[in-house]
Amino acid sequence: MNDREKESLRRVVCQKGDITCCQVEAIVNAANPSLLGGGGVDGAIHRAAGPQLLDACRKLQPPGCKTGFARLTPGFGLEASFVIHTVGPIHRGGDHGEASLLASCYKESLTIAAKKGVRTIAFPAISCGIYGYPIPVAAEIALTSIASFLARDEVVETVFMVLFSDDTHRVFMDTQRRLQG
């Protein structure tokens, strides 16, 4: 990680909490490929946003979303104006391109946010739930991907990593400190 990327990590805030309550312009949904709701973060976001989110996801053309990519909808009942849906990889041991797909989730989401003029965005720990990504590895990929993007982007001012459990929060905080040197 170069000095500019290390410096950009100051624009990343790791916090424990509920992403559906974040007062940011956009939140990122760790979605499944159908974008039609599910469990974990995906289900919580769909419940908090209301049924209009499901309707908006159904109307996306082409339908759904491929792993490593992202799609945009309004936030409806959320504090956030936008939901950026991204599909993380299922962890299959780490030798099936999972790292590049996970990095792509963060980069694609941030690219969409910047194009929309979003200054504040909140991410969950993508793929760390039912998709089984090891949290220490996922934290490194997430934070280095975000730092790389922020080092060359001036639109997105602050990225929040909103982490549901104490353990995940601790791992992300420790990783951020280590990366900042």
C-alpha atoms as a PDB file:
ATOM      1  CA  MET A   1       0.000   0.000   0.000  1.00  0.00           C
ATOM      2  CA  ASN A   2       1.473   3.353  -1.031  1.00  0.00           C
ATOM      3  CA  ASP A   3       1.454   6.517   1.119  1.00  0.00           C
ATOM      4  CA  ARG A   4      -1.525   8.031  -0.707  1.00  0.00           C
ATOM      5  CA  GLU A   5      -3.564   4.876  -0.065  1.00  0.00           C
ATOM      6  CA  LYS A   6      -2.506   4.807   3.593  1.00  0.00           C
ATOM      7  CA  GLU A   7      -3.584   8.433   3.906  1.00  0.00           C
ATOM      8  CA  SER A   8      -6.935   7.672   2.264  1.00  0.00           C
ATOM      9  CA  LEU A   9      -7.676   5.125   5.006  1.00  0.00           C
ATOM     10  CA  ARG A  10      -8.309   8.136   7.272  1.00  0.00           C
ATOM     11  CA  ARG A  11     -11.533   8.576   5.285  1.00  0.00           C
ATOM     12  CA  VAL A  12     -12.690   5.096   6.376  1.00  0.00           C
ATOM     13  CA  VAL A  13     -14.609   4.716   9.641  1.00  0.00           C
ATOM     14  CA  CYS A  14     -15.045   1.205  11.047  1.00  0.00           C
ATOM     15  CA  GLN A  15     -17.990   1.049  13.429  1.00  0.00           C
ATOM     16  CA  LYS A  16     -20.223  -1.538  15.013  1.00  0.00           C
ATOM     17  CA  GLY A  17     -23.887  -1.095  14.191  1.00  0.00           C
ATOM     18  CA  ASP A  18     -26.914  -1.653  12.011  1.00  0.00           C
ATOM     19  CA  ILE A  19     -26.339  -0.521   8.425  1.00  0.00           C
ATOM     20  CA  THR A  20     -30.070   0.095   7.900  1.00  0.00           C
ATOM     21  CA  CYS A  21     -29.923   2.976  10.408  1.00  0.00           C
ATOM     22  CA  CYS A  22     -26.916   4.768   8.926  1.00  0.00           C
ATOM     23  CA  GLN A  23     -27.356   8.410   8.065  1.00  0.00           C
ATOM     24  CA  VAL A  24     -25.370   8.335   4.838  1.00  0.00           C
ATOM     25  CA  GLU A  25     -26.251   9.026   1.226  1.00  0.00           C
ATOM     26  CA  ALA A  26     -25.874   5.393   0.128  1.00  0.00           C
ATOM     27  CA  ILE A  27     -25.684   2.009   1.775  1.00  0.00           C
ATOM     28  CA  VAL A  28     -24.349  -1.119   0.145  1.00  0.00           C
ATOM     29  CA  ASN A  29     -26.398  -4.277   0.202  1.00  0.00           C
ATOM     30  CA  ALA A  30     -24.556  -7.603   0.284  1.00  0.00           C
ATOM     31  CA  ALA A  31     -27.138  -9.128  -2.030  1.00  0.00           C
ATOM     32  CA  ASN A  32     -27.714 -12.446  -3.716  1.00  0.00           C
ATOM     33  CA  PRO A  33     -27.678 -12.588  -7.542  1.00  0.00           C
ATOM     34  CA  SER A  34     -31.479 -12.277  -7.868  1.00  0.00           C
ATOM     35  CA  LEU A  35     -31.505  -8.997  -5.859  1.00  0.00           C
ATOM     36  CA  LEU A  36     -34.901 -10.100  -4.547  1.00  0.00           C
ATOM     37  CA  GLY A  37     -34.014 -10.207  -0.863  1.00  0.00           C
ATOM     38  CA  GLY A  38     -32.661 -12.902   1.365  1.00  0.00           C
ATOM     39  CA  GLY A  39     -31.225 -13.344   4.824  1.00  0.00           C
ATOM     40  CA  GLY A  40     -28.654 -11.398   6.816  1.00  0.00           C
ATOM     41  CA  VAL A  41     -27.844  -7.877   5.666  1.00  0.00           C
ATOM     42  CA  ASP A  42     -29.847  -8.345   2.462  1.00  0.00           C
ATOM     43  CA  GLY A  43     -33.048  -9.246   4.321  1.00  0.00           C
ATOM     44  CA  ALA A  44     -32.567  -6.461   6.869  1.00  0.00           C
ATOM     45  CA  ILE A  45     -32.135  -3.843   4.134  1.00  0.00           C
ATOM     46  CA  HIS A  46     -35.187  -5.061   2.232  1.00  0.00           C
ATOM     47  CA  ARG A  47     -37.316  -5.013   5.419  1.00  0.00           C
ATOM     48  CA  ALA A  48     -36.139  -1.534   6.419  1.00  0.00           C
ATOM     49  CA  ALA A  49     -36.530  -0.056   2.922  1.00  0.00           C
ATOM     50  CA  GLY A  50     -40.024  -1.453   2.450  1.00  0.00           C
ATOM     51  CA  PRO A  51     -41.716  -3.280  -0.424  1.00  0.00           C
ATOM     52  CA  GLN A  52     -40.806  -0.583  -2.959  1.00  0.00           C
ATOM     53  CA  LEU A  53     -37.195  -1.823  -2.872  1.00  0.00           C
ATOM     54  CA  LEU A  54     -38.240  -5.282  -4.011  1.00  0.00           C
ATOM     55  CA  ASP A  55     -40.366  -3.719  -6.780  1.00  0.00           C
ATOM     56  CA  ALA A  56     -37.402  -1.596  -7.930  1.00  0.00           C
ATOM     57  CA  CYS A  57     -35.100  -4.630  -7.956  1.00  0.00           C
ATOM     58  CA  ARG A  58     -37.629  -6.591 -10.007  1.00  0.00           C
ATOM     59  CA  LYS A  59     -37.717  -3.809 -12.604  1.00  0.00           C
ATOM     60  CA  LEU A  60     -33.945  -3.648 -13.140  1.00  0.00           C
ATOM     61  CA  GLN A  61     -32.911  -4.528 -16.683  1.00  0.00           C
ATOM     62  CA  PRO A  62     -31.160  -6.777 -17.172  1.00  0.00           C
ATOM     63  CA  PRO A  63     -32.520  -8.492 -14.046  1.00  0.00           C
ATOM     64  CA  GLY A  64     -30.328  -9.435 -11.119  1.00  0.00           C
ATOM     65  CA  CYS A  65     -26.614  -8.882 -10.701  1.00  0.00           C
ATOM     66  CA  LYS A  66     -23.513 -10.951 -11.374  1.00  0.00           C
ATOM     67  CA  THR A  67     -20.916 -11.668  -8.696  1.00  0.00           C
ATOM     68  CA  GLY A  68     -18.429  -8.815  -8.388  1.00  0.00           C
ATOM     69  CA  PHE A  69     -20.748  -6.243  -9.941  1.00  0.00           C
ATOM     70  CA  ALA A  70     -23.196  -3.714  -8.472  1.00  0.00           C
ATOM     71  CA  ARG A  71     -26.593  -2.155  -9.230  1.00  0.00           C
ATOM     72  CA  LEU A  72     -28.285   1.005  -7.921  1.00  0.00           C
ATOM     73  CA  THR A  73     -31.808   1.590  -6.586  1.00  0.00           C
ATOM     74  CA  PRO A  74     -33.415   4.298  -4.477  1.00  0.00           C
ATOM     75  CA  GLY A  75     -33.329   3.820  -0.699  1.00  0.00           C
ATOM     76  CA  PHE A  76     -37.104   4.208  -0.189  1.00  0.00           C
ATOM     77  CA  GLY A  77     -37.779   3.804   3.582  1.00  0.00           C
ATOM     78  CA  LEU A  78     -34.109   3.997   4.568  1.00  0.00           C
ATOM     79  CA  GLU A  79     -32.243   7.075   5.792  1.00  0.00           C
ATOM     80  CA  ALA A  80     -29.974   6.594   2.757  1.00  0.00           C
ATOM     81  CA  SER A  81     -31.102   7.966  -0.601  1.00  0.00           C
ATOM     82  CA  PHE A  82     -29.612   5.014  -2.462  1.00  0.00           C
ATOM     83  CA  VAL A  83     -28.972   1.310  -2.082  1.00  0.00           C
ATOM     84  CA  ILE A  84     -26.085  -0.094  -4.059  1.00  0.00           C
ATOM     85  CA  HIS A  85     -26.570  -3.842  -4.371  1.00  0.00           C
ATOM     86  CA  THR A  86     -23.461  -5.956  -4.881  1.00  0.00           C
ATOM     87  CA  VAL A  87     -23.057  -9.710  -5.047  1.00  0.00           C
ATOM     88  CA  GLY A  88     -20.042 -11.020  -3.209  1.00  0.00           C
ATOM     89  CA  PRO A  89     -18.373 -14.338  -3.943  1.00  0.00           C
ATOM     90  CA  ILE A  90     -19.053 -17.520  -2.038  1.00  0.00           C
ATOM     91  CA  HIS A  91     -15.764 -18.525  -0.439  1.00  0.00           C
ATOM     92  CA  ARG A  92     -14.620 -21.841  -1.893  1.00  0.00           C
ATOM     93  CA  GLY A  93     -11.167 -22.073  -0.371  1.00  0.00           C
ATOM     94  CA  GLY A  94      -9.659 -18.982  -1.982  1.00  0.00           C
ATOM     95  CA  ASP A  95      -8.406 -20.531  -5.214  1.00  0.00           C
ATOM     96  CA  HIS A  96     -11.375 -19.694  -7.435  1.00  0.00           C
ATOM     97  CA  GLY A  97     -10.906 -15.966  -8.021  1.00  0.00           C
ATOM     98  CA  GLU A  98     -12.780 -15.002  -4.862  1.00  0.00           C
ATOM     99  CA  ALA A  99     -10.342 -12.248  -3.868  1.00  0.00           C
ATOM    100  CA  SER A 100     -10.621 -10.374  -7.176  1.00  0.00           C
ATOM    101  CA  LEU A 101     -14.415 -10.743  -7.152  1.00  0.00           C
ATOM    102  CA  LEU A 102     -14.638  -9.402  -3.585  1.00  0.00           C
ATOM    103  CA  ALA A 103     -12.360  -6.469  -4.431  1.00  0.00           C
ATOM    104  CA  SER A 104     -14.545  -5.779  -7.459  1.00  0.00           C
ATOM    105  CA  CYS A 105     -17.639  -5.530  -5.241  1.00  0.00           C
ATOM    106  CA  TYR A 106     -16.085  -2.617  -3.343  1.00  0.00           C
ATOM    107  CA  LYS A 107     -14.654  -0.910  -6.441  1.00  0.00           C
ATOM    108  CA  GLU A 108     -17.861  -1.246  -8.479  1.00  0.00           C
ATOM    109  CA  SER A 109     -19.985   0.037  -5.588  1.00  0.00           C
ATOM    110  CA  LEU A 110     -17.703   3.031  -5.050  1.00  0.00           C
ATOM    111  CA  THR A 111     -17.646   3.778  -8.777  1.00  0.00           C
ATOM    112  CA  ILE A 112     -21.452   3.900  -8.874  1.00  0.00           C
ATOM    113  CA  ALA A 113     -21.486   6.078  -5.741  1.00  0.00           C
ATOM    114  CA  ALA A 114     -18.987   8.552  -7.191  1.00  0.00           C
ATOM    115  CA  LYS A 115     -20.917   8.780 -10.470  1.00  0.00           C
ATOM    116  CA  LYS A 116     -24.039   9.670  -8.454  1.00  0.00           C
ATOM    117  CA  GLY A 117     -22.143  12.289  -6.455  1.00  0.00           C
ATOM    118  CA  VAL A 118     -22.436  10.331  -3.204  1.00  0.00           C
ATOM    119  CA  ARG A 119     -20.170  11.755  -0.504  1.00  0.00           C
ATOM    120  CA  THR A 120     -20.949   9.274   2.300  1.00  0.00           C
ATOM    121  CA  ILE A 121     -21.440   5.539   1.898  1.00  0.00           C
ATOM    122  CA  ALA A 122     -21.747   2.583   4.267  1.00  0.00           C
ATOM    123  CA  PHE A 123     -20.636  -0.972   3.542  1.00  0.00           C
ATOM    124  CA  PRO A 124     -21.245  -4.200   5.413  1.00  0.00           C
ATOM    125  CA  ALA A 125     -18.575  -6.917   5.521  1.00  0.00           C
ATOM    126  CA  ILE A 126     -19.447  -8.342   2.095  1.00  0.00           C
ATOM    127  CA  SER A 127     -19.418 -12.159   1.824  1.00  0.00           C
ATOM    128  CA  CYS A 128     -18.562 -12.627   5.523  1.00  0.00           C
ATOM    129  CA  GLY A 129     -21.927 -14.107   6.511  1.00  0.00           C
ATOM    130  CA  ILE A 130     -23.490 -17.107   4.859  1.00  0.00           C
ATOM    131  CA  TYR A 131     -21.020 -16.838   1.929  1.00  0.00           C
ATOM    132  CA  GLY A 132     -18.289 -17.893   4.367  1.00  0.00           C
ATOM    133  CA  TYR A 133     -15.442 -15.514   3.540  1.00  0.00           C
ATOM    134  CA  PRO A 134     -12.829 -15.569   6.339  1.00  0.00           C
ATOM    135  CA  ILE A 135     -13.161 -12.215   8.089  1.00  0.00           C
ATOM    136  CA  PRO A 136      -9.418 -11.372   8.371  1.00  0.00           C
ATOM    137  CA  VAL A 137      -8.899 -11.976   4.640  1.00  0.00           C
ATOM    138  CA  ALA A 138     -12.107 -10.122   3.721  1.00  0.00           C
ATOM    139  CA  ALA A 139     -11.115  -7.145   5.897  1.00  0.00           C
ATOM    140  CA  GLU A 140      -7.762  -6.842   4.130  1.00  0.00           C
ATOM    141  CA  ILE A 141      -9.395  -7.014   0.691  1.00  0.00           C
ATOM    142  CA  ALA A 142     -12.141  -4.551   1.633  1.00  0.00           C
ATOM    143  CA  LEU A 143      -9.852  -1.948   3.162  1.00  0.00           C
ATOM    144  CA  THR A 144      -7.160  -2.128   0.484  1.00  0.00           C
ATOM    145  CA  SER A 145      -9.785  -1.910  -2.273  1.00  0.00           C
ATOM    146  CA  ILE A 146     -11.449   1.079  -0.631  1.00  0.00           C
ATOM    147  CA  ALA A 147      -8.094   2.788   0.002  1.00  0.00           C
ATOM    148  CA  SER A 148      -7.044   2.275  -3.603  1.00  0.00           C
ATOM    149  CA  PHE A 149     -10.275   3.841  -4.846  1.00  0.00           C
ATOM    150  CA  LEU A 150     -10.224   6.778  -2.402  1.00  0.00           C
ATOM    151  CA  ALA A 151      -6.588   7.560  -3.241  1.00  0.00           C
ATOM    152  CA  ARG A 152      -7.704   8.600  -6.734  1.00  0.00           C
ATOM    153  CA  ASP A 153     -11.271   9.814  -6.086  1.00  0.00           C
ATOM    154  CA  GLU A 154     -12.356  13.113  -4.562  1.00  0.00           C
ATOM    155  CA  VAL A 155     -16.150  12.666  -4.725  1.00  0.00           C
ATOM    156  CA  VAL A 156     -16.606  10.073  -1.980  1.00  0.00           C
ATOM    157  CA  GLU A 157     -15.542  11.770   1.234  1.00  0.00           C
ATOM    158  CA  THR A 158     -16.219   9.149   3.911  1.00  0.00           C
ATOM    159  CA  VAL A 159     -16.672   5.388   3.790  1.00  0.00           C
ATOM    160  CA  PHE A 160     -18.227   3.678   6.787  1.00  0.00           C
ATOM    161  CA  MET A 161     -17.629  -0.016   7.376  1.00  0.00           C
ATOM    162  CA  VAL A 162     -20.679  -0.905   9.453  1.00  0.00           C
ATOM    163  CA  LEU A 163     -20.027  -4.196  11.150  1.00  0.00           C
ATOM    164  CA  PHE A 164     -22.662  -6.190  12.955  1.00  0.00           C
ATOM    165  CA  SER A 165     -20.600  -8.190  15.462  1.00  0.00           C
ATOM    166  CA  ASP A 166     -17.937  -7.231  17.988  1.00  0.00           C
ATOM    167  CA  ASP A 167     -15.500  -9.763  16.512  1.00  0.00           C
ATOM    168  CA  THR A 168     -15.889  -8.507  12.945  1.00  0.00           C
ATOM    169  CA  HIS A 169     -15.551  -4.905  14.135  1.00  0.00           C
ATOM    170  CA  ARG A 170     -12.357  -5.748  16.029  1.00  0.00           C
ATOM    171  CA  VAL A 171     -10.817  -7.513  13.011  1.00  0.00           C
ATOM    172  CA  PHE A 172     -11.590  -4.579  10.698  1.00  0.00           C
ATOM    173  CA  MET A 173     -10.221  -2.054  13.216  1.00  0.00           C
ATOM    174  CA  ASP A 174      -7.018  -4.079  13.722  1.00  0.00           C
ATOM    175  CA  THR A 175      -6.584  -4.479   9.957  1.00  0.00           C
ATOM    176  CA  GLN A 176      -7.075  -0.761   9.361  1.00  0.00           C
ATOM    177  CA  ARG A 177      -4.469   0.128  12.021  1.00  0.00           C
ATOM    178  CA  ARG A 178      -1.988  -2.372  10.565  1.00  0.00           C
ATOM    179  CA  LEU A 179      -2.481  -1.079   6.993  1.00  0.00           C
ATOM    180  CA  GLN A 180      -2.012   2.534   8.093  1.00  0.00           C
ATOM    181  CA  GLY A 181       1.325   1.512   9.597  1.00  0.00           C
END
